[in-house]
Amino acid sequence: TQEFIDSGYVAAQRKIAEIRQFVLDSVSPAERIAKRKAFNDL
């Protein structure tokens, strides 16, 4: 099991650049915190 998990992790690491092509936008940690706070304040 651990070998399978490690193998999957390594395969995912190799594909990160390709995966990022599908990410339409990214949010900075500060923006995420502000959005979460605005949501929770409601």
PDB file of all heavy atoms in Angstrom:
ATOM      1  N   THR A   1       0.814  -1.211   0.000  1.00  0.00           N
ATOM      2  CA  THR A   1       0.000   0.000   0.000  1.00  0.00           C
ATOM      3  C   THR A   1       0.849   1.264   0.000  1.00  0.00           C
ATOM      4  O   THR A   1       0.603   2.172  -0.791  1.00  0.00           O
ATOM      5  CB  THR A   1      -0.946   0.004   1.222  1.00  0.00           C
ATOM      6  OG1 THR A   1      -1.738  -1.179   1.177  1.00  0.00           O
ATOM      7  CG2 THR A   1      -1.842   1.215   1.218  1.00  0.00           C
ATOM      8  N   GLN A   2       1.824   1.346   0.870  1.00  0.00           N
ATOM      9  CA  GLN A   2       2.645   2.559   0.940  1.00  0.00           C
ATOM     10  C   GLN A   2       3.379   2.810  -0.375  1.00  0.00           C
ATOM     11  O   GLN A   2       3.490   3.943  -0.823  1.00  0.00           O
ATOM     12  CB  GLN A   2       3.642   2.486   2.104  1.00  0.00           C
ATOM     13  CG  GLN A   2       4.328   3.814   2.378  1.00  0.00           C
ATOM     14  CD  GLN A   2       3.343   4.929   2.709  1.00  0.00           C
ATOM     15  OE1 GLN A   2       2.477   4.777   3.568  1.00  0.00           O
ATOM     16  NE2 GLN A   2       3.454   6.049   2.020  1.00  0.00           N
ATOM     17  N   GLU A   3       3.852   1.741  -1.019  1.00  0.00           N
ATOM     18  CA  GLU A   3       4.533   1.906  -2.306  1.00  0.00           C
ATOM     19  C   GLU A   3       3.570   2.461  -3.356  1.00  0.00           C
ATOM     20  O   GLU A   3       3.947   3.315  -4.164  1.00  0.00           O
ATOM     21  CB  GLU A   3       5.131   0.577  -2.794  1.00  0.00           C
ATOM     22  CG  GLU A   3       6.313   0.103  -1.988  1.00  0.00           C
ATOM     23  CD  GLU A   3       5.928  -0.819  -0.845  1.00  0.00           C
ATOM     24  OE1 GLU A   3       4.767  -0.792  -0.385  1.00  0.00           O
ATOM     25  OE2 GLU A   3       6.790  -1.571  -0.394  1.00  0.00           O
ATOM     26  N   PHE A   4       2.316   1.998  -3.341  1.00  0.00           N
ATOM     27  CA  PHE A   4       1.320   2.496  -4.288  1.00  0.00           C
ATOM     28  C   PHE A   4       1.028   3.977  -4.036  1.00  0.00           C
ATOM     29  O   PHE A   4       0.923   4.780  -4.967  1.00  0.00           O
ATOM     30  CB  PHE A   4       0.025   1.693  -4.210  1.00  0.00           C
ATOM     31  CG  PHE A   4       0.175   0.255  -4.609  1.00  0.00           C
ATOM     32  CD1 PHE A   4      -0.558  -0.731  -3.987  1.00  0.00           C
ATOM     33  CD2 PHE A   4       1.058  -0.123  -5.608  1.00  0.00           C
ATOM     34  CE1 PHE A   4      -0.427  -2.068  -4.354  1.00  0.00           C
ATOM     35  CE2 PHE A   4       1.199  -1.456  -5.989  1.00  0.00           C
ATOM     36  CZ  PHE A   4       0.456  -2.422  -5.358  1.00  0.00           C
ATOM     37  N   ILE A   5       0.913   4.336  -2.774  1.00  0.00           N
ATOM     38  CA  ILE A   5       0.665   5.737  -2.421  1.00  0.00           C
ATOM     39  C   ILE A   5       1.831   6.597  -2.882  1.00  0.00           C
ATOM     40  O   ILE A   5       1.643   7.647  -3.507  1.00  0.00           O
ATOM     41  CB  ILE A   5       0.427   5.881  -0.908  1.00  0.00           C
ATOM     42  CG1 ILE A   5      -0.896   5.216  -0.511  1.00  0.00           C
ATOM     43  CG2 ILE A   5       0.437   7.354  -0.494  1.00  0.00           C
ATOM     44  CD1 ILE A   5      -1.109   5.078   0.981  1.00  0.00           C
ATOM     45  N   ASP A   6       3.045   6.161  -2.586  1.00  0.00           N
ATOM     46  CA  ASP A   6       4.229   6.920  -2.986  1.00  0.00           C
ATOM     47  C   ASP A   6       4.318   7.054  -4.498  1.00  0.00           C
ATOM     48  O   ASP A   6       4.657   8.117  -5.031  1.00  0.00           O
ATOM     49  CB  ASP A   6       5.497   6.261  -2.440  1.00  0.00           C
ATOM     50  CG  ASP A   6       5.581   6.312  -0.923  1.00  0.00           C
ATOM     51  OD1 ASP A   6       4.863   7.126  -0.307  1.00  0.00           O
ATOM     52  OD2 ASP A   6       6.363   5.525  -0.355  1.00  0.00           O
ATOM     53  N   SER A   7       4.020   5.997  -5.211  1.00  0.00           N
ATOM     54  CA  SER A   7       4.059   6.014  -6.666  1.00  0.00           C
ATOM     55  C   SER A   7       3.040   7.007  -7.223  1.00  0.00           C
ATOM     56  O   SER A   7       3.339   7.766  -8.148  1.00  0.00           O
ATOM     57  CB  SER A   7       3.776   4.605  -7.205  1.00  0.00           C
ATOM     58  OG  SER A   7       3.728   4.621  -8.600  1.00  0.00           O
ATOM     59  N   GLY A   8       1.859   7.022  -6.655  1.00  0.00           N
ATOM     60  CA  GLY A   8       0.836   7.970  -7.079  1.00  0.00           C
ATOM     61  C   GLY A   8       1.239   9.403  -6.792  1.00  0.00           C
ATOM     62  O   GLY A   8       1.010  10.310  -7.599  1.00  0.00           O
ATOM     63  N   TYR A   9       1.881   9.613  -5.653  1.00  0.00           N
ATOM     64  CA  TYR A   9       2.341  10.955  -5.289  1.00  0.00           C
ATOM     65  C   TYR A   9       3.385  11.450  -6.286  1.00  0.00           C
ATOM     66  O   TYR A   9       3.316  12.574  -6.778  1.00  0.00           O
ATOM     67  CB  TYR A   9       2.915  10.945  -3.872  1.00  0.00           C
ATOM     68  CG  TYR A   9       3.442  12.286  -3.434  1.00  0.00           C
ATOM     69  CD1 TYR A   9       2.576  13.265  -2.952  1.00  0.00           C
ATOM     70  CD2 TYR A   9       4.800  12.583  -3.502  1.00  0.00           C
ATOM     71  CE1 TYR A   9       3.049  14.493  -2.558  1.00  0.00           C
ATOM     72  CE2 TYR A   9       5.280  13.810  -3.110  1.00  0.00           C
ATOM     73  CZ  TYR A   9       4.397  14.774  -2.642  1.00  0.00           C
ATOM     74  OH  TYR A   9       4.862  16.001  -2.260  1.00  0.00           O
ATOM     75  N   VAL A  10       4.338  10.610  -6.604  1.00  0.00           N
ATOM     76  CA  VAL A  10       5.394  10.979  -7.559  1.00  0.00           C
ATOM     77  C   VAL A  10       4.782  11.256  -8.933  1.00  0.00           C
ATOM     78  O   VAL A  10       5.135  12.239  -9.600  1.00  0.00           O
ATOM     79  CB  VAL A  10       6.470   9.872  -7.634  1.00  0.00           C
ATOM     80  CG1 VAL A  10       7.427  10.122  -8.784  1.00  0.00           C
ATOM     81  CG2 VAL A  10       7.235   9.784  -6.318  1.00  0.00           C
ATOM     82  N   ALA A  11       3.843  10.438  -9.364  1.00  0.00           N
ATOM     83  CA  ALA A  11       3.190  10.640 -10.660  1.00  0.00           C
ATOM     84  C   ALA A  11       2.437  11.973 -10.677  1.00  0.00           C
ATOM     85  O   ALA A  11       2.486  12.708 -11.674  1.00  0.00           O
ATOM     86  CB  ALA A  11       2.242   9.483 -10.967  1.00  0.00           C
ATOM     87  N   ALA A  12       1.764  12.303  -9.594  1.00  0.00           N
ATOM     88  CA  ALA A  12       1.041  13.572  -9.515  1.00  0.00           C
ATOM     89  C   ALA A  12       2.004  14.747  -9.542  1.00  0.00           C
ATOM     90  O   ALA A  12       1.754  15.760 -10.205  1.00  0.00           O
ATOM     91  CB  ALA A  12       0.179  13.613  -8.254  1.00  0.00           C
ATOM     92  N   GLN A  13       3.124  14.628  -8.836  1.00  0.00           N
ATOM     93  CA  GLN A  13       4.135  15.700  -8.835  1.00  0.00           C
ATOM     94  C   GLN A  13       4.636  15.960 -10.254  1.00  0.00           C
ATOM     95  O   GLN A  13       4.841  17.107 -10.640  1.00  0.00           O
ATOM     96  CB  GLN A  13       5.312  15.328  -7.926  1.00  0.00           C
ATOM     97  CG  GLN A  13       5.000  15.365  -6.459  1.00  0.00           C
ATOM     98  CD  GLN A  13       4.764  16.789  -5.967  1.00  0.00           C
ATOM     99  OE1 GLN A  13       5.249  17.748  -6.517  1.00  0.00           O
ATOM    100  NE2 GLN A  13       3.983  16.912  -4.909  1.00  0.00           N
ATOM    101  N   ARG A  14       4.825  14.916 -11.021  1.00  0.00           N
ATOM    102  CA  ARG A  14       5.300  15.069 -12.398  1.00  0.00           C
ATOM    103  C   ARG A  14       4.271  15.770 -13.286  1.00  0.00           C
ATOM    104  O   ARG A  14       4.626  16.365 -14.292  1.00  0.00           O
ATOM    105  CB  ARG A  14       5.634  13.701 -12.991  1.00  0.00           C
ATOM    106  CG  ARG A  14       6.861  13.079 -12.394  1.00  0.00           C
ATOM    107  CD  ARG A  14       7.161  11.749 -13.052  1.00  0.00           C
ATOM    108  NE  ARG A  14       8.301  11.116 -12.408  1.00  0.00           N
ATOM    109  CZ  ARG A  14       8.446   9.822 -12.263  1.00  0.00           C
ATOM    110  NH1 ARG A  14       7.541   8.988 -12.744  1.00  0.00           N
ATOM    111  NH2 ARG A  14       9.513   9.324 -11.664  1.00  0.00           N
ATOM    112  N   LYS A  15       3.006  15.679 -12.947  1.00  0.00           N
ATOM    113  CA  LYS A  15       1.936  16.229 -13.773  1.00  0.00           C
ATOM    114  C   LYS A  15       1.458  17.612 -13.312  1.00  0.00           C
ATOM    115  O   LYS A  15       0.533  18.167 -13.905  1.00  0.00           O
ATOM    116  CB  LYS A  15       0.735  15.273 -13.771  1.00  0.00           C
ATOM    117  CG  LYS A  15       0.992  13.952 -14.442  1.00  0.00           C
ATOM    118  CD  LYS A  15       0.994  14.133 -15.923  1.00  0.00           C
ATOM    119  CE  LYS A  15       1.029  12.784 -16.628  1.00  0.00           C
ATOM    120  NZ  LYS A  15       0.914  12.947 -18.062  1.00  0.00           N
ATOM    121  N   ILE A  16       2.058  18.174 -12.275  1.00  0.00           N
ATOM    122  CA  ILE A  16       1.558  19.439 -11.723  1.00  0.00           C
ATOM    123  C   ILE A  16       1.497  20.536 -12.778  1.00  0.00           C
ATOM    124  O   ILE A  16       0.504  21.253 -12.885  1.00  0.00           O
ATOM    125  CB  ILE A  16       2.394  19.879 -10.503  1.00  0.00           C
ATOM    126  CG1 ILE A  16       1.980  19.035  -9.306  1.00  0.00           C
ATOM    127  CG2 ILE A  16       2.194  21.358 -10.196  1.00  0.00           C
ATOM    128  CD1 ILE A  16       2.696  19.347  -8.030  1.00  0.00           C
ATOM    129  N   ALA A  17       2.538  20.694 -13.587  1.00  0.00           N
ATOM    130  CA  ALA A  17       2.520  21.735 -14.615  1.00  0.00           C
ATOM    131  C   ALA A  17       1.345  21.535 -15.571  1.00  0.00           C
ATOM    132  O   ALA A  17       0.664  22.498 -15.954  1.00  0.00           O
ATOM    133  CB  ALA A  17       3.839  21.739 -15.375  1.00  0.00           C
ATOM    134  N   GLU A  18       1.100  20.313 -15.954  1.00  0.00           N
ATOM    135  CA  GLU A  18      -0.014  20.003 -16.851  1.00  0.00           C
ATOM    136  C   GLU A  18      -1.358  20.255 -16.168  1.00  0.00           C
ATOM    137  O   GLU A  18      -2.287  20.811 -16.767  1.00  0.00           O
ATOM    138  CB  GLU A  18       0.088  18.545 -17.283  1.00  0.00           C
ATOM    139  CG  GLU A  18      -0.889  18.138 -18.345  1.00  0.00           C
ATOM    140  CD  GLU A  18      -0.682  16.691 -18.771  1.00  0.00           C
ATOM    141  OE1 GLU A  18       0.466  16.191 -18.748  1.00  0.00           O
ATOM    142  OE2 GLU A  18      -1.695  16.065 -19.111  1.00  0.00           O
ATOM    143  N   ILE A  19      -1.457  19.898 -14.917  1.00  0.00           N
ATOM    144  CA  ILE A  19      -2.694  20.090 -14.156  1.00  0.00           C
ATOM    145  C   ILE A  19      -3.005  21.576 -14.016  1.00  0.00           C
ATOM    146  O   ILE A  19      -4.152  21.996 -14.132  1.00  0.00           O
ATOM    147  CB  ILE A  19      -2.585  19.418 -12.764  1.00  0.00           C
ATOM    148  CG1 ILE A  19      -2.534  17.897 -12.924  1.00  0.00           C
ATOM    149  CG2 ILE A  19      -3.730  19.836 -11.859  1.00  0.00           C
ATOM    150  CD1 ILE A  19      -2.137  17.159 -11.662  1.00  0.00           C
ATOM    151  N   ARG A  20      -1.966  22.389 -13.816  1.00  0.00           N
ATOM    152  CA  ARG A  20      -2.179  23.830 -13.634  1.00  0.00           C
ATOM    153  C   ARG A  20      -2.783  24.490 -14.857  1.00  0.00           C
ATOM    154  O   ARG A  20      -3.383  25.552 -14.753  1.00  0.00           O
ATOM    155  CB  ARG A  20      -0.873  24.502 -13.244  1.00  0.00           C
ATOM    156  CG  ARG A  20      -0.507  24.174 -11.824  1.00  0.00           C
ATOM    157  CD  ARG A  20       0.567  25.062 -11.306  1.00  0.00           C
ATOM    158  NE  ARG A  20       0.812  24.676  -9.898  1.00  0.00           N
ATOM    159  CZ  ARG A  20       1.801  25.085  -9.192  1.00  0.00           C
ATOM    160  NH1 ARG A  20       2.681  25.899  -9.706  1.00  0.00           N
ATOM    161  NH2 ARG A  20       1.937  24.686  -7.953  1.00  0.00           N
ATOM    162  N   GLN A  21      -2.651  23.900 -16.010  1.00  0.00           N
ATOM    163  CA  GLN A  21      -3.268  24.447 -17.216  1.00  0.00           C
ATOM    164  C   GLN A  21      -4.788  24.462 -17.101  1.00  0.00           C
ATOM    165  O   GLN A  21      -5.454  25.265 -17.752  1.00  0.00           O
ATOM    166  CB  GLN A  21      -2.866  23.628 -18.447  1.00  0.00           C
ATOM    167  CG  GLN A  21      -1.405  23.706 -18.787  1.00  0.00           C
ATOM    168  CD  GLN A  21      -1.049  22.800 -19.956  1.00  0.00           C
ATOM    169  OE1 GLN A  21      -1.913  22.324 -20.681  1.00  0.00           O
ATOM    170  NE2 GLN A  21       0.236  22.556 -20.123  1.00  0.00           N
ATOM    171  N   PHE A  22      -5.336  23.581 -16.275  1.00  0.00           N
ATOM    172  CA  PHE A  22      -6.772  23.481 -16.118  1.00  0.00           C
ATOM    173  C   PHE A  22      -7.310  24.369 -14.999  1.00  0.00           C
ATOM    174  O   PHE A  22      -8.520  24.500 -14.832  1.00  0.00           O
ATOM    175  CB  PHE A  22      -7.181  22.026 -15.862  1.00  0.00           C
ATOM    176  CG  PHE A  22      -6.864  21.118 -17.008  1.00  0.00           C
ATOM    177  CD1 PHE A  22      -5.743  20.308 -16.974  1.00  0.00           C
ATOM    178  CD2 PHE A  22      -7.669  21.102 -18.129  1.00  0.00           C
ATOM    179  CE1 PHE A  22      -5.437  19.475 -18.038  1.00  0.00           C
ATOM    180  CE2 PHE A  22      -7.375  20.281 -19.201  1.00  0.00           C
ATOM    181  CZ  PHE A  22      -6.255  19.462 -19.160  1.00  0.00           C
ATOM    182  N   VAL A  23      -6.411  24.967 -14.226  1.00  0.00           N
ATOM    183  CA  VAL A  23      -6.826  25.848 -13.145  1.00  0.00           C
ATOM    184  C   VAL A  23      -7.136  27.208 -13.763  1.00  0.00           C
ATOM    185  O   VAL A  23      -6.262  27.860 -14.332  1.00  0.00           O
ATOM    186  CB  VAL A  23      -5.726  25.972 -12.070  1.00  0.00           C
ATOM    187  CG1 VAL A  23      -6.139  26.972 -10.998  1.00  0.00           C
ATOM    188  CG2 VAL A  23      -5.423  24.617 -11.464  1.00  0.00           C
ATOM    189  N   LEU A  24      -8.383  27.618 -13.687  1.00  0.00           N
ATOM    190  CA  LEU A  24      -8.806  28.844 -14.344  1.00  0.00           C
ATOM    191  C   LEU A  24      -8.364  30.095 -13.598  1.00  0.00           C
ATOM    192  O   LEU A  24      -8.083  31.116 -14.204  1.00  0.00           O
ATOM    193  CB  LEU A  24     -10.325  28.845 -14.513  1.00  0.00           C
ATOM    194  CG  LEU A  24     -10.875  27.673 -15.332  1.00  0.00           C
ATOM    195  CD1 LEU A  24     -12.395  27.727 -15.370  1.00  0.00           C
ATOM    196  CD2 LEU A  24     -10.295  27.690 -16.732  1.00  0.00           C
ATOM    197  N   ASP A  25      -8.336  30.033 -12.316  1.00  0.00           N
ATOM    198  CA  ASP A  25      -7.865  31.172 -11.536  1.00  0.00           C
ATOM    199  C   ASP A  25      -7.265  30.665 -10.239  1.00  0.00           C
ATOM    200  O   ASP A  25      -7.470  29.534  -9.832  1.00  0.00           O
ATOM    201  CB  ASP A  25      -9.000  32.153 -11.250  1.00  0.00           C
ATOM    202  CG  ASP A  25     -10.112  31.553 -10.396  1.00  0.00           C
ATOM    203  OD1 ASP A  25     -10.103  30.338 -10.166  1.00  0.00           O
ATOM    204  OD2 ASP A  25     -10.998  32.298  -9.972  1.00  0.00           O
ATOM    205  N   SER A  26      -6.500  31.516  -9.648  1.00  0.00           N
ATOM    206  CA  SER A  26      -5.948  31.145  -8.355  1.00  0.00           C
ATOM    207  C   SER A  26      -6.193  32.304  -7.400  1.00  0.00           C
ATOM    208  O   SER A  26      -6.313  33.453  -7.808  1.00  0.00           O
ATOM    209  CB  SER A  26      -4.455  30.828  -8.454  1.00  0.00           C
ATOM    210  OG  SER A  26      -3.754  31.954  -8.926  1.00  0.00           O
ATOM    211  N   VAL A  27      -6.287  31.983  -6.161  1.00  0.00           N
ATOM    212  CA  VAL A  27      -6.588  32.965  -5.135  1.00  0.00           C
ATOM    213  C   VAL A  27      -5.436  32.957  -4.140  1.00  0.00           C
ATOM    214  O   VAL A  27      -5.016  31.888  -3.686  1.00  0.00           O
ATOM    215  CB  VAL A  27      -7.925  32.611  -4.438  1.00  0.00           C
ATOM    216  CG1 VAL A  27      -8.241  33.586  -3.337  1.00  0.00           C
ATOM    217  CG2 VAL A  27      -9.053  32.557  -5.449  1.00  0.00           C
ATOM    218  N   SER A  28      -4.965  34.129  -3.805  1.00  0.00           N
ATOM    219  CA  SER A  28      -3.875  34.216  -2.835  1.00  0.00           C
ATOM    220  C   SER A  28      -4.406  33.815  -1.455  1.00  0.00           C
ATOM    221  O   SER A  28      -5.610  33.894  -1.195  1.00  0.00           O
ATOM    222  CB  SER A  28      -3.315  35.630  -2.787  1.00  0.00           C
ATOM    223  OG  SER A  28      -4.245  36.497  -2.149  1.00  0.00           O
ATOM    224  N   PRO A  29      -3.505  33.431  -0.564  1.00  0.00           N
ATOM    225  CA  PRO A  29      -3.955  33.097   0.798  1.00  0.00           C
ATOM    226  C   PRO A  29      -4.704  34.257   1.460  1.00  0.00           C
ATOM    227  O   PRO A  29      -5.698  34.046   2.146  1.00  0.00           O
ATOM    228  CB  PRO A  29      -2.659  32.772   1.531  1.00  0.00           C
ATOM    229  CG  PRO A  29      -1.739  32.288   0.455  1.00  0.00           C
ATOM    230  CD  PRO A  29      -2.092  33.117  -0.757  1.00  0.00           C
ATOM    231  N   ALA A  30      -4.244  35.490   1.236  1.00  0.00           N
ATOM    232  CA  ALA A  30      -4.919  36.654   1.834  1.00  0.00           C
ATOM    233  C   ALA A  30      -6.337  36.804   1.283  1.00  0.00           C
ATOM    234  O   ALA A  30      -7.277  37.099   2.034  1.00  0.00           O
ATOM    235  CB  ALA A  30      -4.115  37.923   1.580  1.00  0.00           C
ATOM    236  N   GLU A  31      -6.504  36.598  -0.040  1.00  0.00           N
ATOM    237  CA  GLU A  31      -7.839  36.675  -0.641  1.00  0.00           C
ATOM    238  C   GLU A  31      -8.747  35.580  -0.103  1.00  0.00           C
ATOM    239  O   GLU A  31      -9.934  35.809   0.166  1.00  0.00           O
ATOM    240  CB  GLU A  31      -7.753  36.546  -2.158  1.00  0.00           C
ATOM    241  CG  GLU A  31      -7.164  37.751  -2.857  1.00  0.00           C
ATOM    242  CD  GLU A  31      -7.002  37.506  -4.339  1.00  0.00           C
ATOM    243  OE1 GLU A  31      -6.239  36.594  -4.716  1.00  0.00           O
ATOM    244  OE2 GLU A  31      -7.662  38.222  -5.127  1.00  0.00           O
ATOM    245  N   ARG A  32      -8.195  34.378   0.042  1.00  0.00           N
ATOM    246  CA  ARG A  32      -8.985  33.257   0.557  1.00  0.00           C
ATOM    247  C   ARG A  32      -9.443  33.548   1.981  1.00  0.00           C
ATOM    248  O   ARG A  32     -10.604  33.316   2.337  1.00  0.00           O
ATOM    249  CB  ARG A  32      -8.175  31.963   0.498  1.00  0.00           C
ATOM    250  CG  ARG A  32      -8.986  30.743   0.897  1.00  0.00           C
ATOM    251  CD  ARG A  32      -8.213  29.439   0.771  1.00  0.00           C
ATOM    252  NE  ARG A  32      -7.024  29.416   1.606  1.00  0.00           N
ATOM    253  CZ  ARG A  32      -5.773  29.495   1.150  1.00  0.00           C
ATOM    254  NH1 ARG A  32      -5.537  29.602  -0.131  1.00  0.00           N
ATOM    255  NH2 ARG A  32      -4.756  29.459   1.983  1.00  0.00           N
ATOM    256  N   ILE A  33      -8.554  34.083   2.795  1.00  0.00           N
ATOM    257  CA  ILE A  33      -8.903  34.420   4.186  1.00  0.00           C
ATOM    258  C   ILE A  33      -9.991  35.486   4.207  1.00  0.00           C
ATOM    259  O   ILE A  33     -10.950  35.407   4.981  1.00  0.00           O
ATOM    260  CB  ILE A  33      -7.646  34.857   4.959  1.00  0.00           C
ATOM    261  CG1 ILE A  33      -6.728  33.651   5.182  1.00  0.00           C
ATOM    262  CG2 ILE A  33      -8.016  35.510   6.280  1.00  0.00           C
ATOM    263  CD1 ILE A  33      -5.340  34.012   5.668  1.00  0.00           C
ATOM    264  N   ALA A  34      -9.858  36.516   3.338  1.00  0.00           N
ATOM    265  CA  ALA A  34     -10.852  37.587   3.289  1.00  0.00           C
ATOM    266  C   ALA A  34     -12.205  37.048   2.841  1.00  0.00           C
ATOM    267  O   ALA A  34     -13.249  37.418   3.406  1.00  0.00           O
ATOM    268  CB  ALA A  34     -10.382  38.698   2.349  1.00  0.00           C
ATOM    269  N   LYS A  35     -12.223  36.172   1.835  1.00  0.00           N
ATOM    270  CA  LYS A  35     -13.476  35.587   1.371  1.00  0.00           C
ATOM    271  C   LYS A  35     -14.121  34.732   2.457  1.00  0.00           C
ATOM    272  O   LYS A  35     -15.338  34.769   2.657  1.00  0.00           O
ATOM    273  CB  LYS A  35     -13.241  34.746   0.120  1.00  0.00           C
ATOM    274  CG  LYS A  35     -13.000  35.556  -1.115  1.00  0.00           C
ATOM    275  CD  LYS A  35     -12.819  34.656  -2.326  1.00  0.00           C
ATOM    276  CE  LYS A  35     -12.638  35.465  -3.586  1.00  0.00           C
ATOM    277  NZ  LYS A  35     -12.671  34.650  -4.793  1.00  0.00           N
ATOM    278  N   ARG A  36     -13.314  33.961   3.151  1.00  0.00           N
ATOM    279  CA  ARG A  36     -13.835  33.107   4.219  1.00  0.00           C
ATOM    280  C   ARG A  36     -14.423  33.958   5.347  1.00  0.00           C
ATOM    281  O   ARG A  36     -15.487  33.662   5.881  1.00  0.00           O
ATOM    282  CB  ARG A  36     -12.712  32.209   4.751  1.00  0.00           C
ATOM    283  CG  ARG A  36     -13.193  31.181   5.750  1.00  0.00           C
ATOM    284  CD  ARG A  36     -12.101  30.203   6.090  1.00  0.00           C
ATOM    285  NE  ARG A  36     -11.838  29.357   4.934  1.00  0.00           N
ATOM    286  CZ  ARG A  36     -10.676  28.768   4.696  1.00  0.00           C
ATOM    287  NH1 ARG A  36      -9.673  28.923   5.527  1.00  0.00           N
ATOM    288  NH2 ARG A  36     -10.513  28.007   3.645  1.00  0.00           N
ATOM    289  N   LYS A  37     -13.720  35.054   5.690  1.00  0.00           N
ATOM    290  CA  LYS A  37     -14.203  35.941   6.746  1.00  0.00           C
ATOM    291  C   LYS A  37     -15.524  36.592   6.332  1.00  0.00           C
ATOM    292  O   LYS A  37     -16.467  36.659   7.120  1.00  0.00           O
ATOM    293  CB  LYS A  37     -13.178  37.012   7.076  1.00  0.00           C
ATOM    294  CG  LYS A  37     -13.618  37.931   8.208  1.00  0.00           C
ATOM    295  CD  LYS A  37     -12.574  38.967   8.522  1.00  0.00           C
ATOM    296  CE  LYS A  37     -12.962  39.912   9.626  1.00  0.00           C
ATOM    297  NZ  LYS A  37     -14.344  40.194   9.855  1.00  0.00           N
ATOM    298  N   ALA A  38     -15.595  37.070   5.071  1.00  0.00           N
ATOM    299  CA  ALA A  38     -16.833  37.693   4.586  1.00  0.00           C
ATOM    300  C   ALA A  38     -17.987  36.701   4.636  1.00  0.00           C
ATOM    301  O   ALA A  38     -19.112  37.062   5.027  1.00  0.00           O
ATOM    302  CB  ALA A  38     -16.631  38.215   3.164  1.00  0.00           C
ATOM    303  N   PHE A  39     -17.733  35.458   4.258  1.00  0.00           N
ATOM    304  CA  PHE A  39     -18.762  34.424   4.316  1.00  0.00           C
ATOM    305  C   PHE A  39     -19.193  34.168   5.755  1.00  0.00           C
ATOM    306  O   PHE A  39     -20.391  34.132   6.067  1.00  0.00           O
ATOM    307  CB  PHE A  39     -18.248  33.137   3.678  1.00  0.00           C
ATOM    308  CG  PHE A  39     -19.200  31.983   3.815  1.00  0.00           C
ATOM    309  CD1 PHE A  39     -20.297  31.867   2.988  1.00  0.00           C
ATOM    310  CD2 PHE A  39     -18.984  31.004   4.778  1.00  0.00           C
ATOM    311  CE1 PHE A  39     -21.177  30.803   3.115  1.00  0.00           C
ATOM    312  CE2 PHE A  39     -19.855  29.942   4.919  1.00  0.00           C
ATOM    313  CZ  PHE A  39     -20.958  29.846   4.085  1.00  0.00           C
ATOM    314  N   ASN A  40     -18.223  34.000   6.639  1.00  0.00           N
ATOM    315  CA  ASN A  40     -18.544  33.702   8.035  1.00  0.00           C
ATOM    316  C   ASN A  40     -19.226  34.868   8.735  1.00  0.00           C
ATOM    317  O   ASN A  40     -20.033  34.663   9.634  1.00  0.00           O
ATOM    318  CB  ASN A  40     -17.291  33.272   8.793  1.00  0.00           C
ATOM    319  CG  ASN A  40     -16.871  31.864   8.443  1.00  0.00           C
ATOM    320  OD1 ASN A  40     -17.711  31.006   8.182  1.00  0.00           O
ATOM    321  ND2 ASN A  40     -15.581  31.621   8.407  1.00  0.00           N
ATOM    322  N   ASP A  41     -18.915  36.098   8.316  1.00  0.00           N
ATOM    323  CA  ASP A  41     -19.557  37.265   8.928  1.00  0.00           C
ATOM    324  C   ASP A  41     -21.047  37.329   8.602  1.00  0.00           C
ATOM    325  O   ASP A  41     -21.808  37.986   9.307  1.00  0.00           O
ATOM    326  CB  ASP A  41     -18.871  38.555   8.461  1.00  0.00           C
ATOM    327  CG  ASP A  41     -17.514  38.753   9.116  1.00  0.00           C
ATOM    328  OD1 ASP A  41     -17.203  38.031  10.099  1.00  0.00           O
ATOM    329  OD2 ASP A  41     -16.746  39.616   8.637  1.00  0.00           O
ATOM    330  N   LEU A  42     -21.473  36.662   7.529  1.00  0.00           N
ATOM    331  CA  LEU A  42     -22.891  36.647   7.157  1.00  0.00           C
ATOM    332  C   LEU A  42     -23.709  35.668   7.997  1.00  0.00           C
ATOM    333  O   LEU A  42     -24.935  35.764   8.035  1.00  0.00           O
ATOM    334  CB  LEU A  42     -23.049  36.283   5.673  1.00  0.00           C
ATOM    335  CG  LEU A  42     -22.488  37.290   4.677  1.00  0.00           C
ATOM    336  CD1 LEU A  42     -22.581  36.726   3.264  1.00  0.00           C
ATOM    337  CD2 LEU A  42     -23.200  38.624   4.779  1.00  0.00           C
TER     338      LEU A  42
END
